[in-house]
Amino acid sequence: IRLNRDCPAPKNVISLHLQFNQCIMLASRPILL
């Protein structure tokens, strides 16, 4: 389920990591602003 730079990741794995990044941005962007 981890992203591997040596081979393309499946669509579902990319979707999972995009949601993970979004979760980090949700938590921290009030501090950024």
Full PDB file with SEQRES, HELIX, SHEET, SSBOND, CRYST1, ORIGX, SCALE, CONECT and MASTER records, all heavy atoms in Angstrom:
SEQRES   1 A   33  ILE ARG LEU ASN ARG ASP CYS PRO ALA PRO LYS ASN VAL          
SEQRES   2 A   33  ILE SER LEU HIS LEU GLN PHE ASN GLN CYS ILE MET LEU          
SEQRES   3 A   33  ALA SER ARG PRO ILE LEU LEU                                  
HELIX    1 AA1 LYS A   11  LEU A   32  1                                  22    
CRYST1    1.000    1.000    1.000  90.00  90.00  90.00 P 1           1          
ORIGX1      1.000000  0.000000  0.000000        0.00000                         
ORIGX2      0.000000  1.000000  0.000000        0.00000                         
ORIGX3      0.000000  0.000000  1.000000        0.00000                         
SCALE1      1.000000  0.000000  0.000000        0.00000                         
SCALE2      0.000000  1.000000  0.000000        0.00000                         
SCALE3      0.000000  0.000000  1.000000        0.00000                         
ATOM      1  N   ILE A   1       0.832  -1.208   0.000  1.00  0.00           N  
ATOM      2  CA  ILE A   1       0.000   0.000   0.000  1.00  0.00           C  
ATOM      3  C   ILE A   1       0.863   1.253   0.000  1.00  0.00           C  
ATOM      4  O   ILE A   1       0.358   2.364  -0.133  1.00  0.00           O  
ATOM      5  CB  ILE A   1      -0.954  -0.015   1.219  1.00  0.00           C  
ATOM      6  CG1 ILE A   1      -1.773  -1.306   1.224  1.00  0.00           C  
ATOM      7  CG2 ILE A   1      -1.920   1.158   1.194  1.00  0.00           C  
ATOM      8  CD1 ILE A   1      -2.705  -1.430   2.400  1.00  0.00           C  
ATOM      9  N   ARG A   2       2.154   1.097   0.114  1.00  0.00           N  
ATOM     10  CA  ARG A   2       3.041   2.259   0.053  1.00  0.00           C  
ATOM     11  C   ARG A   2       3.304   2.643  -1.399  1.00  0.00           C  
ATOM     12  O   ARG A   2       3.234   1.804  -2.300  1.00  0.00           O  
ATOM     13  CB  ARG A   2       4.362   1.952   0.759  1.00  0.00           C  
ATOM     14  CG  ARG A   2       4.221   1.707   2.248  1.00  0.00           C  
ATOM     15  CD  ARG A   2       5.544   1.339   2.868  1.00  0.00           C  
ATOM     16  NE  ARG A   2       5.424   1.105   4.297  1.00  0.00           N  
ATOM     17  CZ  ARG A   2       5.574   2.058   5.222  1.00  0.00           C  
ATOM     18  NH1 ARG A   2       5.859   3.295   4.846  1.00  0.00           N  
ATOM     19  NH2 ARG A   2       5.432   1.781   6.500  1.00  0.00           N  
ATOM     20  N   LEU A   3       3.610   3.917  -1.618  1.00  0.00           N  
ATOM     21  CA  LEU A   3       3.979   4.372  -2.956  1.00  0.00           C  
ATOM     22  C   LEU A   3       5.426   4.001  -3.233  1.00  0.00           C  
ATOM     23  O   LEU A   3       6.307   4.234  -2.400  1.00  0.00           O  
ATOM     24  CB  LEU A   3       3.783   5.885  -3.075  1.00  0.00           C  
ATOM     25  CG  LEU A   3       2.337   6.371  -3.018  1.00  0.00           C  
ATOM     26  CD1 LEU A   3       2.303   7.891  -3.053  1.00  0.00           C  
ATOM     27  CD2 LEU A   3       1.514   5.812  -4.159  1.00  0.00           C  
ATOM     28  N   ASN A   4       5.655   3.468  -4.404  1.00  0.00           N  
ATOM     29  CA  ASN A   4       6.988   3.032  -4.801  1.00  0.00           C  
ATOM     30  C   ASN A   4       7.429   3.855  -6.002  1.00  0.00           C  
ATOM     31  O   ASN A   4       6.741   3.891  -7.034  1.00  0.00           O  
ATOM     32  CB  ASN A   4       6.974   1.540  -5.147  1.00  0.00           C  
ATOM     33  CG  ASN A   4       8.362   0.955  -5.298  1.00  0.00           C  
ATOM     34  OD1 ASN A   4       9.329   1.681  -5.548  1.00  0.00           O  
ATOM     35  ND2 ASN A   4       8.465  -0.353  -5.155  1.00  0.00           N  
ATOM     36  N   ARG A   5       8.567   4.502  -5.882  1.00  0.00           N  
ATOM     37  CA  ARG A   5       9.041   5.354  -6.969  1.00  0.00           C  
ATOM     38  C   ARG A   5       9.495   4.550  -8.181  1.00  0.00           C  
ATOM     39  O   ARG A   5       9.651   5.093  -9.267  1.00  0.00           O  
ATOM     40  CB  ARG A   5      10.178   6.250  -6.475  1.00  0.00           C  
ATOM     41  CG  ARG A   5      11.457   5.486  -6.153  1.00  0.00           C  
ATOM     42  CD  ARG A   5      12.594   6.434  -5.837  1.00  0.00           C  
ATOM     43  NE  ARG A   5      12.386   7.110  -4.577  1.00  0.00           N  
ATOM     44  CZ  ARG A   5      13.219   8.023  -4.097  1.00  0.00           C  
ATOM     45  NH1 ARG A   5      14.276   8.365  -4.785  1.00  0.00           N  
ATOM     46  NH2 ARG A   5      12.980   8.602  -2.943  1.00  0.00           N  
ATOM     47  N   ASP A   6       9.719   3.248  -8.018  1.00  0.00           N  
ATOM     48  CA  ASP A   6      10.250   2.437  -9.112  1.00  0.00           C  
ATOM     49  C   ASP A   6       9.167   1.890 -10.032  1.00  0.00           C  
ATOM     50  O   ASP A   6       9.468   1.419 -11.124  1.00  0.00           O  
ATOM     51  CB  ASP A   6      11.063   1.265  -8.551  1.00  0.00           C  
ATOM     52  CG  ASP A   6      12.272   1.745  -7.755  1.00  0.00           C  
ATOM     53  OD1 ASP A   6      12.818   2.812  -8.113  1.00  0.00           O  
ATOM     54  OD2 ASP A   6      12.648   1.070  -6.772  1.00  0.00           O  
ATOM     55  N   CYS A   7       7.912   1.912  -9.603  1.00  0.00           N  
ATOM     56  CA  CYS A   7       6.836   1.391 -10.447  1.00  0.00           C  
ATOM     57  C   CYS A   7       5.569   2.186 -10.174  1.00  0.00           C  
ATOM     58  O   CYS A   7       5.383   2.711  -9.079  1.00  0.00           O  
ATOM     59  CB  CYS A   7       6.606  -0.105 -10.180  1.00  0.00           C  
ATOM     60  SG  CYS A   7       6.141  -0.494  -8.486  1.00  0.00           S  
ATOM     61  N   PRO A   8       4.691   2.292 -11.173  1.00  0.00           N  
ATOM     62  CA  PRO A   8       3.466   3.065 -10.969  1.00  0.00           C  
ATOM     63  C   PRO A   8       2.562   2.414  -9.930  1.00  0.00           C  
ATOM     64  O   PRO A   8       2.460   1.185  -9.861  1.00  0.00           O  
ATOM     65  CB  PRO A   8       2.818   3.071 -12.362  1.00  0.00           C  
ATOM     66  CG  PRO A   8       3.395   1.884 -13.058  1.00  0.00           C  
ATOM     67  CD  PRO A   8       4.784   1.726 -12.539  1.00  0.00           C  
ATOM     68  N   ALA A   9       1.922   3.237  -9.152  1.00  0.00           N  
ATOM     69  CA  ALA A   9       1.049   2.734  -8.084  1.00  0.00           C  
ATOM     70  C   ALA A   9      -0.358   2.517  -8.624  1.00  0.00           C  
ATOM     71  O   ALA A   9      -0.813   3.226  -9.529  1.00  0.00           O  
ATOM     72  CB  ALA A   9       1.011   3.731  -6.925  1.00  0.00           C  
ATOM     73  N   PRO A  10      -1.094   1.537  -8.080  1.00  0.00           N  
ATOM     74  CA  PRO A  10      -2.498   1.355  -8.471  1.00  0.00           C  
ATOM     75  C   PRO A  10      -3.331   2.576  -8.090  1.00  0.00           C  
ATOM     76  O   PRO A  10      -2.971   3.361  -7.207  1.00  0.00           O  
ATOM     77  CB  PRO A  10      -2.925   0.111  -7.681  1.00  0.00           C  
ATOM     78  CG  PRO A  10      -1.664  -0.563  -7.276  1.00  0.00           C  
ATOM     79  CD  PRO A  10      -0.637   0.517  -7.130  1.00  0.00           C  
ATOM     80  N   LYS A  11      -4.456   2.708  -8.767  1.00  0.00           N  
ATOM     81  CA  LYS A  11      -5.324   3.867  -8.553  1.00  0.00           C  
ATOM     82  C   LYS A  11      -5.809   3.949  -7.112  1.00  0.00           C  
ATOM     83  O   LYS A  11      -5.865   5.042  -6.535  1.00  0.00           O  
ATOM     84  CB  LYS A  11      -6.518   3.785  -9.503  1.00  0.00           C  
ATOM     85  CG  LYS A  11      -7.497   4.938  -9.386  1.00  0.00           C  
ATOM     86  CD  LYS A  11      -6.961   6.187 -10.051  1.00  0.00           C  
ATOM     87  CE  LYS A  11      -6.897   5.994 -11.547  1.00  0.00           C  
ATOM     88  NZ  LYS A  11      -6.471   7.231 -12.244  1.00  0.00           N  
ATOM     89  N   ASN A  12      -6.140   2.828  -6.519  1.00  0.00           N  
ATOM     90  CA  ASN A  12      -6.665   2.881  -5.152  1.00  0.00           C  
ATOM     91  C   ASN A  12      -5.593   3.317  -4.157  1.00  0.00           C  
ATOM     92  O   ASN A  12      -5.881   4.017  -3.189  1.00  0.00           O  
ATOM     93  CB  ASN A  12      -7.243   1.524  -4.759  1.00  0.00           C  
ATOM     94  CG  ASN A  12      -6.208   0.406  -4.800  1.00  0.00           C  
ATOM     95  OD1 ASN A  12      -5.242   0.472  -5.553  1.00  0.00           O  
ATOM     96  ND2 ASN A  12      -6.420  -0.628  -4.009  1.00  0.00           N  
ATOM     97  N   VAL A  13      -4.336   2.943  -4.392  1.00  0.00           N  
ATOM     98  CA  VAL A  13      -3.263   3.361  -3.493  1.00  0.00           C  
ATOM     99  C   VAL A  13      -3.024   4.869  -3.627  1.00  0.00           C  
ATOM    100  O   VAL A  13      -2.819   5.572  -2.625  1.00  0.00           O  
ATOM    101  CB  VAL A  13      -1.979   2.569  -3.792  1.00  0.00           C  
ATOM    102  CG1 VAL A  13      -0.812   3.092  -2.962  1.00  0.00           C  
ATOM    103  CG2 VAL A  13      -2.200   1.084  -3.513  1.00  0.00           C  
ATOM    104  N   ILE A  14      -3.054   5.377  -4.850  1.00  0.00           N  
ATOM    105  CA  ILE A  14      -2.907   6.824  -5.050  1.00  0.00           C  
ATOM    106  C   ILE A  14      -4.033   7.572  -4.356  1.00  0.00           C  
ATOM    107  O   ILE A  14      -3.808   8.593  -3.687  1.00  0.00           O  
ATOM    108  CB  ILE A  14      -2.878   7.146  -6.555  1.00  0.00           C  
ATOM    109  CG1 ILE A  14      -1.617   6.559  -7.194  1.00  0.00           C  
ATOM    110  CG2 ILE A  14      -2.931   8.655  -6.787  1.00  0.00           C  
ATOM    111  CD1 ILE A  14      -1.555   6.728  -8.696  1.00  0.00           C  
ATOM    112  N   SER A  15      -5.255   7.072  -4.498  1.00  0.00           N  
ATOM    113  CA  SER A  15      -6.395   7.716  -3.850  1.00  0.00           C  
ATOM    114  C   SER A  15      -6.230   7.746  -2.339  1.00  0.00           C  
ATOM    115  O   SER A  15      -6.549   8.746  -1.678  1.00  0.00           O  
ATOM    116  CB  SER A  15      -7.683   6.978  -4.236  1.00  0.00           C  
ATOM    117  OG  SER A  15      -8.797   7.492  -3.539  1.00  0.00           O  
ATOM    118  N   LEU A  16      -5.705   6.661  -1.761  1.00  0.00           N  
ATOM    119  CA  LEU A  16      -5.504   6.605  -0.317  1.00  0.00           C  
ATOM    120  C   LEU A  16      -4.494   7.649   0.142  1.00  0.00           C  
ATOM    121  O   LEU A  16      -4.702   8.343   1.148  1.00  0.00           O  
ATOM    122  CB  LEU A  16      -5.040   5.204   0.075  1.00  0.00           C  
ATOM    123  CG  LEU A  16      -4.782   4.960   1.563  1.00  0.00           C  
ATOM    124  CD1 LEU A  16      -6.070   5.069   2.357  1.00  0.00           C  
ATOM    125  CD2 LEU A  16      -4.139   3.596   1.780  1.00  0.00           C  
ATOM    126  N   HIS A  17      -3.393   7.800  -0.591  1.00  0.00           N  
ATOM    127  CA  HIS A  17      -2.361   8.746  -0.181  1.00  0.00           C  
ATOM    128  C   HIS A  17      -2.792  10.198  -0.443  1.00  0.00           C  
ATOM    129  O   HIS A  17      -2.355  11.099   0.277  1.00  0.00           O  
ATOM    130  CB  HIS A  17      -1.058   8.428  -0.898  1.00  0.00           C  
ATOM    131  CG  HIS A  17      -0.381   7.203  -0.360  1.00  0.00           C  
ATOM    132  ND1 HIS A  17       0.477   7.245   0.717  1.00  0.00           N  
ATOM    133  CD2 HIS A  17      -0.475   5.888  -0.716  1.00  0.00           C  
ATOM    134  CE1 HIS A  17       0.906   6.024   0.986  1.00  0.00           C  
ATOM    135  NE2 HIS A  17       0.345   5.180   0.130  1.00  0.00           N  
ATOM    136  N   LEU A  18      -3.635  10.401  -1.420  1.00  0.00           N  
ATOM    137  CA  LEU A  18      -4.183  11.745  -1.611  1.00  0.00           C  
ATOM    138  C   LEU A  18      -5.065  12.131  -0.430  1.00  0.00           C  
ATOM    139  O   LEU A  18      -5.032  13.286   0.037  1.00  0.00           O  
ATOM    140  CB  LEU A  18      -4.978  11.811  -2.920  1.00  0.00           C  
ATOM    141  CG  LEU A  18      -4.161  11.821  -4.207  1.00  0.00           C  
ATOM    142  CD1 LEU A  18      -5.084  11.687  -5.422  1.00  0.00           C  
ATOM    143  CD2 LEU A  18      -3.339  13.096  -4.323  1.00  0.00           C  
ATOM    144  N   GLN A  19      -5.852  11.179   0.053  1.00  0.00           N  
ATOM    145  CA  GLN A  19      -6.678  11.461   1.226  1.00  0.00           C  
ATOM    146  C   GLN A  19      -5.817  11.682   2.461  1.00  0.00           C  
ATOM    147  O   GLN A  19      -6.130  12.523   3.315  1.00  0.00           O  
ATOM    148  CB  GLN A  19      -7.663  10.311   1.454  1.00  0.00           C  
ATOM    149  CG  GLN A  19      -8.552  10.463   2.676  1.00  0.00           C  
ATOM    150  CD  GLN A  19      -9.448  11.691   2.631  1.00  0.00           C  
ATOM    151  OE1 GLN A  19      -9.762  12.203   1.557  1.00  0.00           O  
ATOM    152  NE2 GLN A  19      -9.861  12.176   3.790  1.00  0.00           N  
ATOM    153  N   PHE A  20      -4.714  10.950   2.566  1.00  0.00           N  
ATOM    154  CA  PHE A  20      -3.781  11.143   3.673  1.00  0.00           C  
ATOM    155  C   PHE A  20      -3.196  12.559   3.650  1.00  0.00           C  
ATOM    156  O   PHE A  20      -3.145  13.252   4.676  1.00  0.00           O  
ATOM    157  CB  PHE A  20      -2.667  10.093   3.576  1.00  0.00           C  
ATOM    158  CG  PHE A  20      -1.485  10.358   4.460  1.00  0.00           C  
ATOM    159  CD1 PHE A  20      -1.584  10.236   5.831  1.00  0.00           C  
ATOM    160  CD2 PHE A  20      -0.273  10.732   3.919  1.00  0.00           C  
ATOM    161  CE1 PHE A  20      -0.494  10.477   6.654  1.00  0.00           C  
ATOM    162  CE2 PHE A  20       0.823  10.982   4.726  1.00  0.00           C  
ATOM    163  CZ  PHE A  20       0.715  10.855   6.096  1.00  0.00           C  
ATOM    164  N   ASN A  21      -2.755  13.001   2.472  1.00  0.00           N  
ATOM    165  CA  ASN A  21      -2.231  14.370   2.354  1.00  0.00           C  
ATOM    166  C   ASN A  21      -3.304  15.400   2.694  1.00  0.00           C  
ATOM    167  O   ASN A  21      -3.025  16.421   3.339  1.00  0.00           O  
ATOM    168  CB  ASN A  21      -1.711  14.605   0.941  1.00  0.00           C  
ATOM    169  CG  ASN A  21      -0.447  13.821   0.648  1.00  0.00           C  
ATOM    170  OD1 ASN A  21       0.273  13.429   1.551  1.00  0.00           O  
ATOM    171  ND2 ASN A  21      -0.187  13.573  -0.626  1.00  0.00           N  
ATOM    172  N   GLN A  22      -4.533  15.141   2.242  1.00  0.00           N  
ATOM    173  CA  GLN A  22      -5.618  16.071   2.533  1.00  0.00           C  
ATOM    174  C   GLN A  22      -5.874  16.157   4.032  1.00  0.00           C  
ATOM    175  O   GLN A  22      -6.172  17.231   4.569  1.00  0.00           O  
ATOM    176  CB  GLN A  22      -6.885  15.631   1.802  1.00  0.00           C  
ATOM    177  CG  GLN A  22      -8.098  16.524   2.025  1.00  0.00           C  
ATOM    178  CD  GLN A  22      -7.910  17.918   1.473  1.00  0.00           C  
ATOM    179  OE1 GLN A  22      -7.043  18.145   0.630  1.00  0.00           O  
ATOM    180  NE2 GLN A  22      -8.718  18.860   1.922  1.00  0.00           N  
ATOM    181  N   CYS A  23      -5.747  15.038   4.720  1.00  0.00           N  
ATOM    182  CA  CYS A  23      -5.936  15.023   6.171  1.00  0.00           C  
ATOM    183  C   CYS A  23      -4.885  15.882   6.856  1.00  0.00           C  
ATOM    184  O   CYS A  23      -5.184  16.626   7.801  1.00  0.00           O  
ATOM    185  CB  CYS A  23      -5.883  13.585   6.667  1.00  0.00           C  
ATOM    186  SG  CYS A  23      -6.468  13.362   8.352  1.00  0.00           S  
ATOM    187  N   ILE A  24      -3.640  15.813   6.382  1.00  0.00           N  
ATOM    188  CA  ILE A  24      -2.579  16.639   6.955  1.00  0.00           C  
ATOM    189  C   ILE A  24      -2.856  18.114   6.691  1.00  0.00           C  
ATOM    190  O   ILE A  24      -2.701  18.965   7.578  1.00  0.00           O  
ATOM    191  CB  ILE A  24      -1.217  16.223   6.375  1.00  0.00           C  
ATOM    192  CG1 ILE A  24      -0.857  14.821   6.843  1.00  0.00           C  
ATOM    193  CG2 ILE A  24      -0.124  17.205   6.774  1.00  0.00           C  
ATOM    194  CD1 ILE A  24       0.361  14.245   6.193  1.00  0.00           C  
ATOM    195  N   MET A  25      -3.274  18.442   5.469  1.00  0.00           N  
ATOM    196  CA  MET A  25      -3.563  19.841   5.151  1.00  0.00           C  
ATOM    197  C   MET A  25      -4.734  20.363   5.974  1.00  0.00           C  
ATOM    198  O   MET A  25      -4.718  21.507   6.442  1.00  0.00           O  
ATOM    199  CB  MET A  25      -3.846  19.983   3.651  1.00  0.00           C  
ATOM    200  CG  MET A  25      -2.605  19.875   2.776  1.00  0.00           C  
ATOM    201  SD  MET A  25      -2.916  20.254   1.031  1.00  0.00           S  
ATOM    202  CE  MET A  25      -3.646  18.720   0.481  1.00  0.00           C  
ATOM    203  N   LEU A  26      -5.751  19.537   6.162  1.00  0.00           N  
ATOM    204  CA  LEU A  26      -6.888  19.958   6.985  1.00  0.00           C  
ATOM    205  C   LEU A  26      -6.449  20.296   8.400  1.00  0.00           C  
ATOM    206  O   LEU A  26      -6.892  21.280   8.993  1.00  0.00           O  
ATOM    207  CB  LEU A  26      -7.933  18.842   7.027  1.00  0.00           C  
ATOM    208  CG  LEU A  26      -9.018  18.807   5.966  1.00  0.00           C  
ATOM    209  CD1 LEU A  26      -9.885  17.585   6.163  1.00  0.00           C  
ATOM    210  CD2 LEU A  26      -9.863  20.063   6.001  1.00  0.00           C  
ATOM    211  N   ALA A  27      -5.570  19.465   8.945  1.00  0.00           N  
ATOM    212  CA  ALA A  27      -5.152  19.663  10.328  1.00  0.00           C  
ATOM    213  C   ALA A  27      -4.244  20.868  10.485  1.00  0.00           C  
ATOM    214  O   ALA A  27      -4.294  21.558  11.514  1.00  0.00           O  
ATOM    215  CB  ALA A  27      -4.449  18.402  10.837  1.00  0.00           C  
ATOM    216  N   SER A  28      -3.409  21.155   9.490  1.00  0.00           N  
ATOM    217  CA  SER A  28      -2.354  22.153   9.676  1.00  0.00           C  
ATOM    218  C   SER A  28      -2.570  23.468   8.935  1.00  0.00           C  
ATOM    219  O   SER A  28      -1.899  24.451   9.238  1.00  0.00           O  
ATOM    220  CB  SER A  28      -1.007  21.560   9.238  1.00  0.00           C  
ATOM    221  OG  SER A  28      -1.074  21.089   7.905  1.00  0.00           O  
ATOM    222  N   ARG A  29      -3.507  23.526   8.003  1.00  0.00           N  
ATOM    223  CA  ARG A  29      -3.612  24.772   7.232  1.00  0.00           C  
ATOM    224  C   ARG A  29      -4.162  25.957   8.040  1.00  0.00           C  
ATOM    225  O   ARG A  29      -3.868  27.102   7.665  1.00  0.00           O  
ATOM    226  CB  ARG A  29      -4.422  24.550   5.956  1.00  0.00           C  
ATOM    227  CG  ARG A  29      -5.899  24.303   6.130  1.00  0.00           C  
ATOM    228  CD  ARG A  29      -6.538  23.952   4.796  1.00  0.00           C  
ATOM    229  NE  ARG A  29      -7.965  23.748   4.916  1.00  0.00           N  
ATOM    230  CZ  ARG A  29      -8.741  23.280   3.936  1.00  0.00           C  
ATOM    231  NH1 ARG A  29      -8.201  22.963   2.780  1.00  0.00           N  
ATOM    232  NH2 ARG A  29     -10.027  23.132   4.106  1.00  0.00           N  
ATOM    233  N   PRO A  30      -4.949  25.755   9.117  1.00  0.00           N  
ATOM    234  CA  PRO A  30      -5.261  26.932   9.947  1.00  0.00           C  
ATOM    235  C   PRO A  30      -4.004  27.584  10.510  1.00  0.00           C  
ATOM    236  O   PRO A  30      -3.922  28.810  10.597  1.00  0.00           O  
ATOM    237  CB  PRO A  30      -6.154  26.362  11.056  1.00  0.00           C  
ATOM    238  CG  PRO A  30      -6.760  25.145  10.470  1.00  0.00           C  
ATOM    239  CD  PRO A  30      -5.712  24.568   9.581  1.00  0.00           C  
ATOM    240  N   ILE A  31      -3.009  26.766  10.894  1.00  0.00           N  
ATOM    241  CA  ILE A  31      -1.750  27.311  11.389  1.00  0.00           C  
ATOM    242  C   ILE A  31      -1.011  28.032  10.268  1.00  0.00           C  
ATOM    243  O   ILE A  31      -0.409  29.089  10.482  1.00  0.00           O  
ATOM    244  CB  ILE A  31      -0.888  26.184  11.975  1.00  0.00           C  
ATOM    245  CG1 ILE A  31      -1.554  25.593  13.222  1.00  0.00           C  
ATOM    246  CG2 ILE A  31       0.510  26.690  12.319  1.00  0.00           C  
ATOM    247  CD1 ILE A  31      -1.665  26.552  14.385  1.00  0.00           C  
ATOM    248  N   LEU A  32      -1.045  27.460   9.058  1.00  0.00           N  
ATOM    249  CA  LEU A  32      -0.366  28.099   7.922  1.00  0.00           C  
ATOM    250  C   LEU A  32      -0.959  29.476   7.643  1.00  0.00           C  
ATOM    251  O   LEU A  32      -0.226  30.462   7.466  1.00  0.00           O  
ATOM    252  CB  LEU A  32      -0.481  27.203   6.690  1.00  0.00           C  
ATOM    253  CG  LEU A  32       0.173  27.727   5.414  1.00  0.00           C  
ATOM    254  CD1 LEU A  32       1.688  27.770   5.559  1.00  0.00           C  
ATOM    255  CD2 LEU A  32      -0.217  26.868   4.213  1.00  0.00           C  
ATOM    256  N   LEU A  33      -2.280  29.569   7.613  1.00  0.00           N  
ATOM    257  CA  LEU A  33      -2.910  30.869   7.363  1.00  0.00           C  
ATOM    258  C   LEU A  33      -2.672  31.818   8.531  1.00  0.00           C  
ATOM    259  O   LEU A  33      -2.473  33.024   8.334  1.00  0.00           O  
ATOM    260  CB  LEU A  33      -4.410  30.670   7.124  1.00  0.00           C  
ATOM    261  CG  LEU A  33      -5.195  31.917   6.712  1.00  0.00           C  
ATOM    262  CD1 LEU A  33      -4.635  32.511   5.432  1.00  0.00           C  
ATOM    263  CD2 LEU A  33      -6.674  31.587   6.533  1.00  0.00           C  
TER     264      LEU A  33                                                      
MASTER        0    0    0    1    0    0    0    6  263    1    0    3          
END                                                                             
